[in-house]
Amino acid sequence: MYKKIENKNNKVLKITRYLTGTIIVILGLFLFMTSFLKISEPLITLQQFEKIAVGEEYSQIEEEIGTGETLQEVNVDNYTIKRVVWYKNGIAGPCIILTFKDNIVISKENIGL
């Protein structure tokens, strides 16, 4: 009878250790993944978007709001068309998309700012 209780306690102890280890691993992964999210302050605001004018150079935009993520770049004849996105919080969601022809803004889009 003593061995049966001991065996049950061992099984419970093993299960408890397994669940505790699993929870720690999941929590660690969650903390690791969320550490990459940049949600403290907006990287791009509506006011910054409104200041951007068609005809501005890419270098001016980079000075004002930083470097964006190139979505597409195409060389056609003697010019280059490039679409670049800047996310509001550095992650997918609200953003602006600027289209450049030879590094000059030719169009701008505001999505959800």
N, C-alpha and C. Protein backbone atom coordinates (compact mmCIF):
# COMPACT_ATOMS: atom_id res chain seq x y z
N MET A 1 0.82 -1.19 0.00
CA MET A 1 0.00 0.00 0.00
C MET A 1 0.87 1.25 0.00
N TYR A 2 1.95 1.22 0.69
CA TYR A 2 2.85 2.36 0.75
C TYR A 2 3.46 2.63 -0.63
N LYS A 3 3.78 1.57 -1.40
CA LYS A 3 4.36 1.71 -2.72
C LYS A 3 3.36 2.34 -3.69
N LYS A 4 2.07 2.01 -3.58
CA LYS A 4 1.05 2.58 -4.45
C LYS A 4 0.96 4.09 -4.24
N ILE A 5 0.96 4.52 -3.01
CA ILE A 5 0.90 5.95 -2.71
C ILE A 5 2.16 6.64 -3.25
N GLU A 6 3.30 5.97 -3.06
CA GLU A 6 4.57 6.53 -3.52
C GLU A 6 4.56 6.64 -5.05
N ASN A 7 4.03 5.62 -5.75
CA ASN A 7 3.96 5.64 -7.20
C ASN A 7 3.05 6.76 -7.69
N LYS A 8 1.90 6.94 -7.02
CA LYS A 8 0.98 8.03 -7.39
C LYS A 8 1.65 9.38 -7.17
N ASN A 9 2.36 9.52 -6.07
CA ASN A 9 3.06 10.78 -5.79
C ASN A 9 4.15 11.05 -6.84
N ASN A 10 4.84 10.00 -7.25
CA ASN A 10 5.86 10.16 -8.29
C ASN A 10 5.24 10.60 -9.61
N LYS A 11 4.12 9.99 -9.97
CA LYS A 11 3.43 10.37 -11.20
C LYS A 11 2.95 11.82 -11.13
N VAL A 12 2.38 12.20 -10.01
CA VAL A 12 1.91 13.57 -9.83
C VAL A 12 3.09 14.54 -9.90
N LEU A 13 4.18 14.17 -9.27
CA LEU A 13 5.38 15.00 -9.25
C LEU A 13 5.94 15.15 -10.67
N LYS A 14 5.97 14.05 -11.44
CA LYS A 14 6.47 14.10 -12.82
C LYS A 14 5.57 14.99 -13.68
N ILE A 15 4.27 14.82 -13.53
CA ILE A 15 3.32 15.63 -14.30
C ILE A 15 3.46 17.11 -13.93
N THR A 16 3.59 17.38 -12.64
CA THR A 16 3.74 18.76 -12.18
C THR A 16 5.01 19.38 -12.74
N ARG A 17 6.11 18.63 -12.71
CA ARG A 17 7.37 19.13 -13.26
C ARG A 17 7.25 19.38 -14.76
N TYR A 18 6.62 18.45 -15.45
CA TYR A 18 6.43 18.59 -16.89
C TYR A 18 5.61 19.84 -17.21
N LEU A 19 4.48 20.01 -16.52
CA LEU A 19 3.62 21.17 -16.77
C LEU A 19 4.34 22.47 -16.41
N THR A 20 5.06 22.47 -15.32
CA THR A 20 5.80 23.67 -14.91
C THR A 20 6.85 24.02 -15.96
N GLY A 21 7.58 23.03 -16.42
CA GLY A 21 8.59 23.26 -17.46
C GLY A 21 7.98 23.77 -18.75
N THR A 22 6.85 23.19 -19.13
CA THR A 22 6.15 23.61 -20.34
C THR A 22 5.69 25.06 -20.21
N ILE A 23 5.12 25.40 -19.08
CA ILE A 23 4.64 26.78 -18.86
C ILE A 23 5.81 27.76 -18.91
N ILE A 24 6.94 27.39 -18.32
CA ILE A 24 8.11 28.27 -18.33
C ILE A 24 8.61 28.47 -19.76
N VAL A 25 8.64 27.41 -20.55
CA VAL A 25 9.09 27.52 -21.94
C VAL A 25 8.14 28.40 -22.74
N ILE A 26 6.84 28.19 -22.59
CA ILE A 26 5.86 29.00 -23.31
C ILE A 26 5.96 30.46 -22.91
N LEU A 27 6.08 30.73 -21.62
CA LEU A 27 6.21 32.10 -21.14
C LEU A 27 7.49 32.73 -21.68
N GLY A 28 8.57 31.99 -21.68
CA GLY A 28 9.84 32.49 -22.22
C GLY A 28 9.72 32.84 -23.70
N LEU A 29 9.09 31.96 -24.48
CA LEU A 29 8.89 32.23 -25.90
C LEU A 29 8.02 33.46 -26.11
N PHE A 30 6.97 33.59 -25.32
CA PHE A 30 6.08 34.75 -25.43
C PHE A 30 6.85 36.04 -25.14
N LEU A 31 7.63 36.06 -24.08
CA LEU A 31 8.41 37.25 -23.74
C LEU A 31 9.46 37.55 -24.81
N PHE A 32 10.07 36.51 -25.35
CA PHE A 32 11.07 36.69 -26.41
C PHE A 32 10.43 37.29 -27.65
N MET A 33 9.30 36.76 -28.07
CA MET A 33 8.64 37.25 -29.28
C MET A 33 8.11 38.66 -29.11
N THR A 34 7.53 38.98 -27.97
CA THR A 34 6.97 40.31 -27.77
C THR A 34 8.06 41.36 -27.57
N SER A 35 9.28 40.94 -27.27
CA SER A 35 10.35 41.92 -27.10
C SER A 35 10.70 42.59 -28.43
N PHE A 36 10.31 41.98 -29.56
CA PHE A 36 10.60 42.56 -30.86
C PHE A 36 9.54 43.56 -31.31
N LEU A 37 8.39 43.57 -30.66
CA LEU A 37 7.34 44.50 -31.04
C LEU A 37 7.68 45.90 -30.56
N LYS A 38 7.55 46.85 -31.45
CA LYS A 38 7.85 48.23 -31.11
C LYS A 38 6.53 48.97 -30.97
N ILE A 39 6.00 49.01 -29.77
CA ILE A 39 4.69 49.62 -29.59
C ILE A 39 4.73 50.77 -28.60
N SER A 40 5.89 51.28 -28.27
CA SER A 40 5.98 52.32 -27.26
C SER A 40 5.47 53.66 -27.78
N GLU A 41 6.04 54.15 -28.85
CA GLU A 41 5.56 55.41 -29.41
C GLU A 41 5.51 55.26 -30.92
N PRO A 42 4.62 55.99 -31.57
CA PRO A 42 4.49 55.86 -33.02
C PRO A 42 5.78 56.23 -33.73
N LEU A 43 6.15 55.44 -34.73
CA LEU A 43 7.30 55.76 -35.55
C LEU A 43 6.91 56.72 -36.66
N ILE A 44 5.65 56.71 -37.04
CA ILE A 44 5.13 57.63 -38.05
C ILE A 44 3.76 58.12 -37.59
N THR A 45 3.52 59.41 -37.74
CA THR A 45 2.25 59.99 -37.30
C THR A 45 1.53 60.61 -38.49
N LEU A 46 0.27 60.90 -38.31
CA LEU A 46 -0.53 61.55 -39.35
C LEU A 46 0.06 62.92 -39.69
N GLN A 47 0.55 63.64 -38.68
CA GLN A 47 1.13 64.96 -38.92
C GLN A 47 2.37 64.86 -39.82
N GLN A 48 3.19 63.84 -39.57
CA GLN A 48 4.37 63.64 -40.42
C GLN A 48 3.96 63.30 -41.85
N PHE A 49 2.93 62.46 -41.98
CA PHE A 49 2.43 62.08 -43.29
C PHE A 49 1.95 63.31 -44.05
N GLU A 50 1.21 64.17 -43.37
CA GLU A 50 0.65 65.35 -44.02
C GLU A 50 1.73 66.33 -44.49
N LYS A 51 2.88 66.32 -43.82
CA LYS A 51 3.99 67.21 -44.21
C LYS A 51 4.71 66.73 -45.47
N ILE A 52 4.58 65.47 -45.79
CA ILE A 52 5.26 64.92 -46.97
C ILE A 52 4.58 65.45 -48.22
N ALA A 53 5.41 65.98 -49.14
CA ALA A 53 4.87 66.56 -50.37
C ALA A 53 5.35 65.78 -51.58
N VAL A 54 4.48 65.69 -52.57
CA VAL A 54 4.89 65.12 -53.85
C VAL A 54 6.02 66.00 -54.37
N GLY A 55 7.09 65.36 -54.82
CA GLY A 55 8.25 66.09 -55.32
C GLY A 55 9.43 66.06 -54.35
N GLU A 56 9.20 65.65 -53.10
CA GLU A 56 10.30 65.54 -52.14
C GLU A 56 11.20 64.38 -52.51
N GLU A 57 12.46 64.50 -52.14
CA GLU A 57 13.42 63.44 -52.40
C GLU A 57 13.39 62.40 -51.29
N TYR A 58 13.77 61.18 -51.66
CA TYR A 58 13.81 60.07 -50.69
C TYR A 58 14.71 60.40 -49.50
N SER A 59 15.83 61.04 -49.77
CA SER A 59 16.76 61.38 -48.68
C SER A 59 16.12 62.34 -47.67
N GLN A 60 15.28 63.27 -48.15
CA GLN A 60 14.57 64.18 -47.24
C GLN A 60 13.60 63.41 -46.36
N ILE A 61 12.90 62.47 -46.96
CA ILE A 61 11.93 61.65 -46.22
C ILE A 61 12.65 60.85 -45.14
N GLU A 62 13.79 60.24 -45.51
CA GLU A 62 14.56 59.47 -44.53
C GLU A 62 15.01 60.34 -43.36
N GLU A 63 15.41 61.57 -43.63
CA GLU A 63 15.82 62.47 -42.55
C GLU A 63 14.66 62.78 -41.62
N GLU A 64 13.47 62.94 -42.17
CA GLU A 64 12.30 63.32 -41.38
C GLU A 64 11.68 62.16 -40.60
N ILE A 65 11.56 60.99 -41.26
CA ILE A 65 10.83 59.89 -40.60
C ILE A 65 11.61 58.58 -40.54
N GLY A 66 12.85 58.57 -40.99
CA GLY A 66 13.64 57.35 -40.92
C GLY A 66 13.51 56.51 -42.17
N THR A 67 14.15 55.36 -42.13
CA THR A 67 14.18 54.46 -43.29
C THR A 67 12.96 53.54 -43.26
N GLY A 68 12.29 53.44 -44.39
CA GLY A 68 11.14 52.55 -44.50
C GLY A 68 11.54 51.20 -45.05
N GLU A 69 10.54 50.37 -45.26
CA GLU A 69 10.75 49.03 -45.80
C GLU A 69 10.32 49.01 -47.26
N THR A 70 11.24 48.69 -48.15
CA THR A 70 10.94 48.66 -49.58
C THR A 70 10.02 47.49 -49.89
N LEU A 71 8.86 47.81 -50.47
CA LEU A 71 7.89 46.78 -50.85
C LEU A 71 8.16 46.26 -52.25
N GLN A 72 8.55 47.20 -53.13
CA GLN A 72 8.71 46.83 -54.52
C GLN A 72 9.65 47.83 -55.18
N GLU A 73 10.50 47.34 -56.05
CA GLU A 73 11.38 48.22 -56.82
C GLU A 73 11.47 47.66 -58.23
N VAL A 74 11.16 48.52 -59.21
CA VAL A 74 11.12 48.08 -60.60
C VAL A 74 11.90 49.08 -61.45
N ASN A 75 12.75 48.57 -62.31
CA ASN A 75 13.46 49.42 -63.27
C ASN A 75 12.74 49.35 -64.60
N VAL A 76 12.31 50.52 -65.09
CA VAL A 76 11.58 50.60 -66.35
C VAL A 76 12.29 51.63 -67.23
N ASP A 77 12.69 51.21 -68.41
CA ASP A 77 13.43 52.08 -69.33
C ASP A 77 14.58 52.76 -68.59
N ASN A 78 14.53 54.06 -68.45
CA ASN A 78 15.63 54.79 -67.83
C ASN A 78 15.30 55.30 -66.43
N TYR A 79 14.30 54.77 -65.77
CA TYR A 79 13.95 55.23 -64.43
C TYR A 79 13.58 54.06 -63.52
N THR A 80 13.54 54.37 -62.22
CA THR A 80 13.25 53.35 -61.21
C THR A 80 12.01 53.76 -60.42
N ILE A 81 11.08 52.84 -60.28
CA ILE A 81 9.88 53.04 -59.46
C ILE A 81 10.06 52.21 -58.20
N LYS A 82 9.86 52.84 -57.05
CA LYS A 82 10.03 52.14 -55.77
C LYS A 82 8.86 52.50 -54.85
N ARG A 83 8.28 51.47 -54.20
CA ARG A 83 7.23 51.68 -53.19
C ARG A 83 7.81 51.31 -51.84
N VAL A 84 7.67 52.24 -50.88
CA VAL A 84 8.26 52.06 -49.56
C VAL A 84 7.17 52.26 -48.51
N VAL A 85 7.19 51.42 -47.45
CA VAL A 85 6.19 51.50 -46.39
C VAL A 85 6.87 51.89 -45.08
N TRP A 86 6.15 52.70 -44.30
CA TRP A 86 6.53 53.02 -42.93
C TRP A 86 5.34 52.66 -42.05
N TYR A 87 5.54 51.76 -41.09
CA TYR A 87 4.47 51.34 -40.20
C TYR A 87 4.39 52.28 -39.00
N LYS A 88 3.18 52.56 -38.54
CA LYS A 88 2.97 53.48 -37.43
C LYS A 88 3.75 53.05 -36.19
N ASN A 89 3.69 51.77 -35.85
CA ASN A 89 4.35 51.29 -34.64
C ASN A 89 5.47 50.31 -34.94
N GLY A 90 5.96 50.32 -36.15
CA GLY A 90 7.05 49.43 -36.50
C GLY A 90 6.62 48.01 -36.81
N ILE A 91 5.31 47.77 -36.78
CA ILE A 91 4.77 46.44 -37.08
C ILE A 91 3.62 46.60 -38.05
N ALA A 92 3.18 45.50 -38.64
CA ALA A 92 2.08 45.53 -39.58
C ALA A 92 0.86 46.19 -38.96
N GLY A 93 0.16 46.96 -39.75
CA GLY A 93 -1.01 47.69 -39.28
C GLY A 93 -1.05 49.05 -39.94
N PRO A 94 -1.46 50.08 -39.20
CA PRO A 94 -1.51 51.43 -39.78
C PRO A 94 -0.14 51.82 -40.35
N CYS A 95 -0.16 52.44 -41.54
CA CYS A 95 1.11 52.75 -42.19
C CYS A 95 0.92 53.82 -43.25
N ILE A 96 2.03 54.25 -43.81
CA ILE A 96 2.00 55.07 -45.02
C ILE A 96 2.81 54.34 -46.07
N ILE A 97 2.42 54.54 -47.32
CA ILE A 97 3.15 53.97 -48.44
C ILE A 97 3.45 55.11 -49.40
N LEU A 98 4.72 55.29 -49.71
CA LEU A 98 5.14 56.31 -50.65
C LEU A 98 5.67 55.64 -51.90
N THR A 99 5.35 56.23 -53.05
CA THR A 99 5.86 55.75 -54.32
C THR A 99 6.84 56.78 -54.85
N PHE A 100 8.03 56.29 -55.24
CA PHE A 100 9.09 57.16 -55.73
C PHE A 100 9.41 56.82 -57.17
N LYS A 101 9.67 57.85 -57.96
CA LYS A 101 10.21 57.67 -59.30
C LYS A 101 11.58 58.33 -59.28
N ASP A 102 12.62 57.55 -59.46
CA ASP A 102 13.99 58.05 -59.36
C ASP A 102 14.19 58.85 -58.07
N ASN A 103 13.73 58.27 -56.94
CA ASN A 103 13.89 58.82 -55.59
C ASN A 103 13.16 60.14 -55.35
N ILE A 104 12.13 60.41 -56.15
CA ILE A 104 11.27 61.59 -55.95
C ILE A 104 9.85 61.06 -55.68
N VAL A 105 9.20 61.59 -54.63
CA VAL A 105 7.84 61.16 -54.29
C VAL A 105 6.88 61.52 -55.42
N ILE A 106 6.16 60.50 -55.92
CA ILE A 106 5.13 60.77 -56.93
C ILE A 106 3.73 60.48 -56.42
N SER A 107 3.63 59.71 -55.33
CA SER A 107 2.32 59.50 -54.70
C SER A 107 2.51 59.07 -53.26
N LYS A 108 1.48 59.29 -52.46
CA LYS A 108 1.53 58.90 -51.04
C LYS A 108 0.17 58.37 -50.63
N GLU A 109 0.21 57.35 -49.76
CA GLU A 109 -1.02 56.72 -49.26
C GLU A 109 -0.95 56.63 -47.74
N ASN A 110 -2.08 56.88 -47.11
CA ASN A 110 -2.21 56.77 -45.65
C ASN A 110 -3.20 55.65 -45.39
N ILE A 111 -2.77 54.63 -44.68
CA ILE A 111 -3.65 53.50 -44.38
C ILE A 111 -3.83 53.41 -42.87
N GLY A 112 -4.92 53.95 -42.38
CA GLY A 112 -5.30 53.79 -40.98
C GLY A 112 -4.63 54.67 -39.94
N LEU A 113 -3.91 55.72 -40.36
CA LEU A 113 -3.27 56.59 -39.36
C LEU A 113 -4.29 57.43 -38.63
